[in-house]
N, C-alpha and C. Protein backbone atom coordinates (compact mmCIF):
# COMPACT_ATOMS: atom_id res chain seq x y z
N UNK A 1 136.48 130.86 95.97
CA UNK A 1 137.89 130.53 95.77
C UNK A 1 138.51 130.15 97.11
N UNK A 2 139.16 129.02 97.16
CA UNK A 2 139.78 128.54 98.38
C UNK A 2 141.04 129.35 98.69
N UNK A 3 141.27 129.56 99.98
CA UNK A 3 142.49 130.25 100.38
C UNK A 3 143.50 129.21 100.80
N UNK A 4 144.75 129.60 100.78
CA UNK A 4 145.78 128.70 101.28
C UNK A 4 146.73 129.51 102.15
N UNK A 5 147.27 128.87 103.19
CA UNK A 5 148.13 129.61 104.13
C UNK A 5 149.52 129.86 103.55
N UNK A 6 150.06 131.00 103.92
CA UNK A 6 151.42 131.37 103.54
C UNK A 6 151.94 132.28 104.64
N UNK A 7 153.21 132.16 104.96
CA UNK A 7 153.77 133.03 105.99
C UNK A 7 154.00 134.43 105.41
N UNK A 8 154.19 135.37 106.28
CA UNK A 8 154.45 136.74 105.85
C UNK A 8 155.70 136.77 104.97
N UNK A 9 156.73 136.04 105.37
CA UNK A 9 157.97 135.97 104.59
C UNK A 9 157.71 135.40 103.20
N UNK A 10 156.91 134.34 103.12
CA UNK A 10 156.58 133.72 101.84
C UNK A 10 155.82 134.65 100.94
N UNK A 11 154.91 135.42 101.52
CA UNK A 11 154.15 136.41 100.76
C UNK A 11 155.08 137.47 100.19
N UNK A 12 156.02 137.93 101.00
CA UNK A 12 156.97 138.94 100.53
C UNK A 12 157.85 138.40 99.40
N UNK A 13 158.23 137.13 99.49
CA UNK A 13 159.04 136.53 98.43
C UNK A 13 158.25 136.42 97.13
N UNK A 14 156.97 136.05 97.22
CA UNK A 14 156.14 135.98 96.02
C UNK A 14 155.95 137.36 95.41
N UNK A 15 155.76 138.37 96.24
CA UNK A 15 155.60 139.74 95.74
C UNK A 15 156.88 140.21 95.04
N UNK A 16 158.03 139.86 95.61
CA UNK A 16 159.31 140.23 95.00
C UNK A 16 159.48 139.53 93.65
N UNK A 17 159.10 138.25 93.59
CA UNK A 17 159.19 137.51 92.33
C UNK A 17 158.28 138.14 91.28
N UNK A 18 157.06 138.49 91.67
CA UNK A 18 156.11 139.11 90.75
C UNK A 18 156.66 140.44 90.23
N UNK A 19 157.24 141.23 91.12
CA UNK A 19 157.81 142.51 90.71
C UNK A 19 158.94 142.30 89.70
N UNK A 20 159.81 141.32 89.96
CA UNK A 20 160.91 141.04 89.04
C UNK A 20 160.39 140.56 87.68
N UNK A 21 159.38 139.69 87.71
CA UNK A 21 158.81 139.20 86.46
C UNK A 21 158.25 140.34 85.62
N UNK A 22 157.56 141.26 86.28
CA UNK A 22 156.91 142.35 85.55
C UNK A 22 157.86 143.46 85.13
N UNK A 23 158.87 143.73 85.94
CA UNK A 23 159.74 144.88 85.65
C UNK A 23 161.06 144.52 84.98
N UNK A 24 161.48 143.27 85.09
CA UNK A 24 162.77 142.87 84.50
C UNK A 24 162.58 141.83 83.40
N UNK A 25 161.95 140.71 83.77
CA UNK A 25 161.83 139.59 82.84
C UNK A 25 160.94 139.91 81.64
N UNK A 26 159.76 140.47 81.89
CA UNK A 26 158.83 140.77 80.80
C UNK A 26 159.43 141.76 79.80
N UNK A 27 159.99 142.91 80.24
CA UNK A 27 160.59 143.82 79.27
C UNK A 27 161.76 143.20 78.50
N UNK A 28 162.54 142.35 79.18
CA UNK A 28 163.68 141.72 78.51
C UNK A 28 163.22 140.78 77.41
N UNK A 29 162.17 140.02 77.65
CA UNK A 29 161.70 139.09 76.63
C UNK A 29 161.02 139.85 75.49
N UNK A 30 160.36 140.94 75.78
CA UNK A 30 159.77 141.76 74.72
C UNK A 30 160.87 142.33 73.83
N UNK A 31 161.97 142.74 74.44
CA UNK A 31 163.11 143.24 73.67
C UNK A 31 163.71 142.13 72.81
N UNK A 32 163.82 140.93 73.36
CA UNK A 32 164.38 139.79 72.62
C UNK A 32 163.49 139.44 71.43
N UNK A 33 162.17 139.50 71.61
CA UNK A 33 161.24 139.22 70.50
C UNK A 33 161.40 140.28 69.42
N UNK A 34 161.52 141.51 69.84
CA UNK A 34 161.69 142.62 68.89
C UNK A 34 162.97 142.45 68.07
N UNK A 35 164.05 142.08 68.75
CA UNK A 35 165.33 141.87 68.06
C UNK A 35 165.24 140.68 67.09
N UNK A 36 164.57 139.63 67.50
CA UNK A 36 164.43 138.44 66.65
C UNK A 36 163.58 138.76 65.42
N UNK A 37 162.55 139.58 65.60
CA UNK A 37 161.71 139.97 64.46
C UNK A 37 162.52 140.78 63.44
N UNK A 38 163.44 141.56 63.94
CA UNK A 38 164.25 142.40 63.05
C UNK A 38 165.16 141.57 62.16
N UNK A 39 165.37 140.31 62.51
CA UNK A 39 166.25 139.44 61.72
C UNK A 39 165.57 138.94 60.45
N UNK A 40 164.28 139.16 60.34
CA UNK A 40 163.61 138.76 59.10
C UNK A 40 162.67 137.59 59.27
N UNK A 41 162.79 136.59 58.39
CA UNK A 41 161.90 135.43 58.31
C UNK A 41 161.69 134.78 59.67
N UNK A 42 160.45 134.79 60.17
CA UNK A 42 160.14 134.24 61.49
C UNK A 42 159.90 132.74 61.46
N UNK A 43 159.65 132.17 60.28
CA UNK A 43 159.31 130.75 60.20
C UNK A 43 160.47 129.84 60.60
N UNK A 44 161.71 130.28 60.40
CA UNK A 44 162.87 129.47 60.75
C UNK A 44 163.81 130.22 61.68
N UNK A 45 163.25 131.05 62.53
CA UNK A 45 164.04 131.89 63.43
C UNK A 45 164.01 131.29 64.84
N UNK A 46 165.10 130.61 65.18
CA UNK A 46 165.18 129.94 66.49
C UNK A 46 165.16 130.94 67.64
N UNK A 47 165.78 132.11 67.46
CA UNK A 47 165.78 133.13 68.51
C UNK A 47 164.36 133.61 68.80
N UNK A 48 163.59 133.79 67.73
CA UNK A 48 162.20 134.24 67.88
C UNK A 48 161.38 133.17 68.61
N UNK A 49 161.53 131.90 68.19
CA UNK A 49 160.80 130.81 68.82
C UNK A 49 161.14 130.70 70.32
N UNK A 50 162.43 130.81 70.63
CA UNK A 50 162.86 130.72 72.03
C UNK A 50 162.32 131.89 72.85
N UNK A 51 162.35 133.09 72.29
CA UNK A 51 161.84 134.26 72.99
C UNK A 51 160.33 134.16 73.21
N UNK A 52 159.60 133.67 72.22
CA UNK A 52 158.15 133.51 72.37
C UNK A 52 157.83 132.45 73.44
N UNK A 53 158.61 131.38 73.45
CA UNK A 53 158.40 130.34 74.46
C UNK A 53 158.68 130.90 75.86
N UNK A 54 159.76 131.66 75.97
CA UNK A 54 160.10 132.30 77.25
C UNK A 54 159.00 133.28 77.68
N UNK A 55 158.45 134.01 76.72
CA UNK A 55 157.37 134.95 77.02
C UNK A 55 156.16 134.20 77.57
N UNK A 56 155.83 133.08 76.97
CA UNK A 56 154.71 132.28 77.45
C UNK A 56 154.92 131.80 78.87
N UNK A 57 156.15 131.38 79.16
CA UNK A 57 156.48 130.94 80.52
C UNK A 57 156.32 132.09 81.50
N UNK A 58 156.87 133.25 81.16
CA UNK A 58 156.82 134.41 82.06
C UNK A 58 155.38 134.84 82.31
N UNK A 59 154.59 134.93 81.26
CA UNK A 59 153.20 135.35 81.42
C UNK A 59 152.41 134.33 82.25
N UNK A 60 152.69 133.06 82.05
CA UNK A 60 152.03 132.02 82.84
C UNK A 60 152.41 132.11 84.31
N UNK A 61 153.69 132.36 84.56
CA UNK A 61 154.16 132.48 85.95
C UNK A 61 153.57 133.72 86.61
N UNK A 62 153.45 134.82 85.88
CA UNK A 62 152.84 136.04 86.42
C UNK A 62 151.41 135.74 86.85
N UNK A 63 150.65 135.06 86.00
CA UNK A 63 149.27 134.71 86.34
C UNK A 63 149.21 133.79 87.56
N UNK A 64 150.13 132.83 87.60
CA UNK A 64 150.15 131.89 88.72
C UNK A 64 150.45 132.61 90.04
N UNK A 65 151.46 133.47 90.04
CA UNK A 65 151.83 134.19 91.27
C UNK A 65 150.72 135.15 91.69
N UNK A 66 150.13 135.86 90.74
CA UNK A 66 149.02 136.76 91.06
C UNK A 66 147.86 135.98 91.67
N UNK A 67 147.57 134.82 91.11
CA UNK A 67 146.50 133.98 91.65
C UNK A 67 146.79 133.50 93.06
N UNK A 68 148.03 133.09 93.28
CA UNK A 68 148.41 132.64 94.62
C UNK A 68 148.32 133.77 95.63
N UNK A 69 148.79 134.95 95.25
CA UNK A 69 148.74 136.08 96.17
C UNK A 69 147.30 136.50 96.47
N UNK A 70 146.43 136.41 95.47
CA UNK A 70 145.04 136.81 95.70
C UNK A 70 144.30 135.82 96.59
N UNK A 71 144.72 134.56 96.58
CA UNK A 71 144.07 133.54 97.39
C UNK A 71 144.80 133.24 98.69
N UNK A 72 145.90 133.92 98.92
CA UNK A 72 146.73 133.63 100.09
C UNK A 72 146.13 134.18 101.38
N UNK A 73 146.26 133.38 102.41
CA UNK A 73 145.91 133.82 103.76
C UNK A 73 147.26 134.00 104.46
N UNK A 74 147.69 135.26 104.56
CA UNK A 74 149.02 135.56 105.09
C UNK A 74 148.98 135.45 106.62
N UNK A 75 149.91 134.66 107.14
CA UNK A 75 150.00 134.43 108.58
C UNK A 75 151.39 134.86 109.05
N UNK A 76 151.41 135.73 110.03
CA UNK A 76 152.67 136.20 110.62
C UNK A 76 152.96 135.33 111.84
N UNK A 77 153.98 134.47 111.76
CA UNK A 77 154.27 133.55 112.87
C UNK A 77 154.53 134.27 114.20
N UNK A 78 155.05 135.49 114.14
CA UNK A 78 155.36 136.20 115.39
C UNK A 78 154.11 136.67 116.12
N UNK A 79 152.97 136.70 115.45
CA UNK A 79 151.73 137.16 116.09
C UNK A 79 150.80 136.01 116.48
N UNK A 80 151.28 134.79 116.33
CA UNK A 80 150.46 133.61 116.66
C UNK A 80 150.38 133.45 118.17
N UNK A 81 149.18 133.23 118.64
CA UNK A 81 148.93 132.94 120.06
C UNK A 81 148.35 131.53 120.15
N UNK A 82 149.21 130.53 120.18
CA UNK A 82 148.73 129.14 120.17
C UNK A 82 149.10 128.39 121.44
N UNK A 83 149.56 129.09 122.46
CA UNK A 83 149.86 128.49 123.76
C UNK A 83 150.78 127.28 123.66
N UNK A 84 151.82 127.37 122.85
CA UNK A 84 152.81 126.31 122.74
C UNK A 84 152.42 125.16 121.85
N UNK A 85 151.31 125.28 121.16
CA UNK A 85 150.84 124.22 120.28
C UNK A 85 151.48 124.38 118.90
N UNK A 86 151.77 123.26 118.24
CA UNK A 86 152.31 123.29 116.89
C UNK A 86 151.19 123.66 115.92
N UNK A 87 151.35 124.78 115.23
CA UNK A 87 150.39 125.26 114.24
C UNK A 87 151.16 125.74 113.02
N UNK A 88 150.44 126.11 111.97
CA UNK A 88 151.08 126.65 110.78
C UNK A 88 151.94 127.85 111.17
N UNK A 89 153.16 127.89 110.66
CA UNK A 89 154.08 128.99 110.93
C UNK A 89 155.00 128.75 112.11
N UNK A 90 154.68 127.77 112.94
CA UNK A 90 155.50 127.49 114.12
C UNK A 90 156.83 126.89 113.72
N UNK A 91 157.84 127.17 114.53
CA UNK A 91 159.15 126.55 114.38
C UNK A 91 159.27 125.50 115.48
N UNK A 92 159.55 124.28 115.08
CA UNK A 92 159.50 123.14 115.99
C UNK A 92 160.85 122.45 116.04
N UNK A 93 161.35 122.25 117.26
CA UNK A 93 162.58 121.46 117.43
C UNK A 93 162.15 120.05 117.81
N UNK A 94 162.68 119.07 117.06
CA UNK A 94 162.32 117.67 117.25
C UNK A 94 163.54 116.84 117.58
N UNK A 95 163.28 115.74 118.30
CA UNK A 95 164.34 114.77 118.55
C UNK A 95 163.84 113.40 118.11
N UNK A 96 164.61 112.76 117.24
CA UNK A 96 164.27 111.42 116.77
C UNK A 96 164.48 110.45 117.93
N UNK A 97 163.45 109.67 118.27
CA UNK A 97 163.53 108.74 119.40
C UNK A 97 164.58 107.65 119.19
N UNK A 98 164.81 107.24 117.94
CA UNK A 98 165.77 106.17 117.67
C UNK A 98 167.21 106.65 117.71
N UNK A 99 167.48 107.79 117.08
CA UNK A 99 168.86 108.25 116.92
C UNK A 99 169.24 109.39 117.85
N UNK A 100 168.29 109.98 118.53
CA UNK A 100 168.48 111.16 119.39
C UNK A 100 168.98 112.36 118.60
N UNK A 101 168.87 112.30 117.28
CA UNK A 101 169.26 113.41 116.40
C UNK A 101 168.20 114.50 116.50
N UNK A 102 168.65 115.75 116.67
CA UNK A 102 167.72 116.88 116.76
C UNK A 102 167.69 117.66 115.45
N UNK A 103 166.51 118.11 115.11
CA UNK A 103 166.31 118.89 113.90
C UNK A 103 165.26 119.95 114.18
N UNK A 104 165.36 121.08 113.48
CA UNK A 104 164.39 122.17 113.65
C UNK A 104 163.73 122.45 112.31
N UNK A 105 162.40 122.52 112.33
CA UNK A 105 161.63 122.81 111.13
C UNK A 105 160.64 123.94 111.41
N UNK A 106 160.38 124.73 110.38
CA UNK A 106 159.27 125.66 110.41
C UNK A 106 158.22 125.11 109.47
N UNK A 107 156.97 125.13 109.90
CA UNK A 107 155.87 124.62 109.08
C UNK A 107 155.34 125.77 108.23
N UNK A 108 155.46 125.62 106.91
CA UNK A 108 155.14 126.70 105.97
C UNK A 108 154.24 126.19 104.85
N UNK A 109 153.88 127.10 103.96
CA UNK A 109 153.06 126.77 102.81
C UNK A 109 153.85 126.05 101.72
N UNK A 110 153.12 125.56 100.76
CA UNK A 110 153.69 124.77 99.67
C UNK A 110 154.81 125.50 98.93
N UNK A 111 154.60 126.77 98.60
CA UNK A 111 155.59 127.51 97.81
C UNK A 111 156.84 127.88 98.60
N UNK A 112 156.76 127.81 99.91
CA UNK A 112 157.89 128.21 100.76
C UNK A 112 158.76 127.05 101.19
N UNK A 113 158.26 125.85 101.06
CA UNK A 113 158.95 124.68 101.58
C UNK A 113 160.35 124.56 100.99
N UNK A 114 161.32 124.34 101.86
CA UNK A 114 162.71 124.18 101.47
C UNK A 114 163.41 123.41 102.58
N UNK A 115 163.54 122.13 102.42
CA UNK A 115 164.08 121.27 103.46
C UNK A 115 165.51 121.66 103.86
N UNK A 116 166.30 122.12 102.89
CA UNK A 116 167.68 122.51 103.19
C UNK A 116 167.73 123.67 104.18
N UNK A 117 166.68 124.49 104.19
CA UNK A 117 166.62 125.64 105.11
C UNK A 117 165.65 125.40 106.27
N UNK A 118 165.24 124.16 106.45
CA UNK A 118 164.41 123.81 107.59
C UNK A 118 162.96 124.24 107.49
N UNK A 119 162.46 124.39 106.29
CA UNK A 119 161.05 124.77 106.11
C UNK A 119 160.33 123.62 105.43
N UNK A 120 159.30 123.08 106.12
CA UNK A 120 158.57 121.94 105.57
C UNK A 120 157.14 122.33 105.24
N UNK A 121 156.61 121.71 104.21
CA UNK A 121 155.27 121.96 103.71
C UNK A 121 154.23 121.49 104.73
N UNK A 122 153.21 122.30 104.93
CA UNK A 122 152.12 121.99 105.87
C UNK A 122 151.45 120.66 105.53
N UNK A 123 151.48 120.25 104.27
CA UNK A 123 150.82 119.00 103.89
C UNK A 123 151.76 117.80 103.90
N UNK A 124 153.01 117.99 104.32
CA UNK A 124 153.95 116.86 104.39
C UNK A 124 153.55 115.93 105.55
N UNK A 125 153.94 114.67 105.47
CA UNK A 125 153.59 113.73 106.54
C UNK A 125 154.07 114.17 107.92
N UNK A 126 155.27 114.71 108.00
CA UNK A 126 155.79 115.11 109.32
C UNK A 126 155.03 116.31 109.87
N UNK A 127 154.70 117.28 109.02
CA UNK A 127 153.96 118.46 109.48
C UNK A 127 152.55 118.05 109.93
N UNK A 128 151.91 117.19 109.17
CA UNK A 128 150.56 116.74 109.55
C UNK A 128 150.58 116.01 110.90
N UNK A 129 151.66 115.24 111.15
CA UNK A 129 151.77 114.52 112.41
C UNK A 129 152.04 115.47 113.58
N UNK A 130 152.66 116.61 113.30
CA UNK A 130 153.03 117.54 114.37
C UNK A 130 151.92 118.51 114.75
N UNK A 131 151.03 118.83 113.83
CA UNK A 131 149.98 119.82 114.09
C UNK A 131 149.19 119.43 115.34
N UNK A 132 149.08 120.40 116.25
CA UNK A 132 148.32 120.19 117.48
C UNK A 132 149.14 119.66 118.65
N UNK A 133 150.37 119.26 118.40
CA UNK A 133 151.22 118.73 119.48
C UNK A 133 151.78 119.87 120.32
N UNK A 134 152.17 119.54 121.55
CA UNK A 134 152.81 120.48 122.48
C UNK A 134 154.21 120.01 122.79
N UNK A 135 155.01 120.87 123.38
CA UNK A 135 156.35 120.50 123.79
C UNK A 135 156.26 119.32 124.75
N UNK A 136 157.07 118.28 124.51
CA UNK A 136 157.05 117.08 125.33
C UNK A 136 156.23 115.96 124.73
N UNK A 137 155.35 116.27 123.78
CA UNK A 137 154.54 115.25 123.11
C UNK A 137 155.40 114.48 122.11
N UNK A 138 154.92 113.30 121.75
CA UNK A 138 155.58 112.54 120.69
C UNK A 138 154.66 112.51 119.47
N UNK A 139 155.29 112.47 118.31
CA UNK A 139 154.56 112.42 117.06
C UNK A 139 155.06 111.22 116.26
N UNK A 140 154.13 110.42 115.79
CA UNK A 140 154.45 109.26 114.97
C UNK A 140 154.25 109.67 113.51
N UNK A 141 155.32 109.56 112.73
CA UNK A 141 155.29 109.98 111.34
C UNK A 141 155.38 108.75 110.45
N UNK A 142 154.41 108.62 109.56
CA UNK A 142 154.43 107.53 108.59
C UNK A 142 155.21 108.02 107.38
N UNK A 143 156.50 107.79 107.40
CA UNK A 143 157.40 108.24 106.33
C UNK A 143 157.59 107.12 105.31
N UNK A 144 158.07 107.48 104.10
CA UNK A 144 158.32 106.45 103.09
C UNK A 144 159.27 105.35 103.56
N UNK A 145 160.21 105.70 104.45
CA UNK A 145 161.17 104.71 104.95
C UNK A 145 160.64 103.92 106.14
N UNK A 146 159.40 104.15 106.53
CA UNK A 146 158.82 103.46 107.67
C UNK A 146 158.36 104.44 108.73
N UNK A 147 157.89 103.89 109.82
CA UNK A 147 157.37 104.72 110.90
C UNK A 147 158.51 105.33 111.71
N UNK A 148 158.41 106.64 111.97
CA UNK A 148 159.42 107.34 112.77
C UNK A 148 158.70 108.01 113.94
N UNK A 149 159.36 108.04 115.08
CA UNK A 149 158.79 108.67 116.27
C UNK A 149 159.69 109.83 116.67
N UNK A 150 159.07 111.00 116.81
CA UNK A 150 159.78 112.22 117.19
C UNK A 150 159.19 112.78 118.47
N UNK A 151 160.05 113.33 119.31
CA UNK A 151 159.59 114.06 120.48
C UNK A 151 159.67 115.55 120.16
N UNK A 152 158.62 116.28 120.49
CA UNK A 152 158.60 117.73 120.30
C UNK A 152 159.38 118.33 121.48
N UNK A 153 160.55 118.90 121.18
CA UNK A 153 161.40 119.46 122.22
C UNK A 153 160.99 120.89 122.54
N UNK A 154 160.73 121.69 121.48
CA UNK A 154 160.36 123.08 121.69
C UNK A 154 159.51 123.57 120.53
N UNK A 155 158.63 124.52 120.84
CA UNK A 155 157.78 125.15 119.83
C UNK A 155 157.95 126.65 119.97
N UNK A 156 158.29 127.30 118.87
CA UNK A 156 158.48 128.77 118.87
C UNK A 156 157.68 129.38 117.73
N UNK A 157 157.36 130.65 117.90
CA UNK A 157 156.64 131.40 116.88
C UNK A 157 157.52 132.59 116.51
N UNK A 158 158.48 132.34 115.62
CA UNK A 158 159.44 133.39 115.21
C UNK A 158 159.33 133.71 113.75
């Protein structure tokens, strides 16, 4: 089974989601199914159908999260010793060569990626272009809007 990288924070979020699914969502949907069954005829019971569909979703998500956690390679960015090199988990400050606009991203796993909060997927074009770079290096990113050039201003492991 292949492993995939995830930050310590991402692992904790998945564990919290799994706990909520098992302790809150699953019992609630079981209760909803029970209540819908009490209404009688199940063949035309929309509440029952909706609850069963929700149950299927919850059980599928539980299996998915458990699978991800079992295959996860948890990486704590604060314990990385990469000598200033951009690696998984690093927080990178970039400056666009054309606009001089600065942006900060943390390179994270697929499930953690959230551009609004500055977390980009390790397999995104910009993250792939940054891996292995040092502060002061430039990275050429083949983006959908064309080629972009960024300077690596700073690399942190926080």
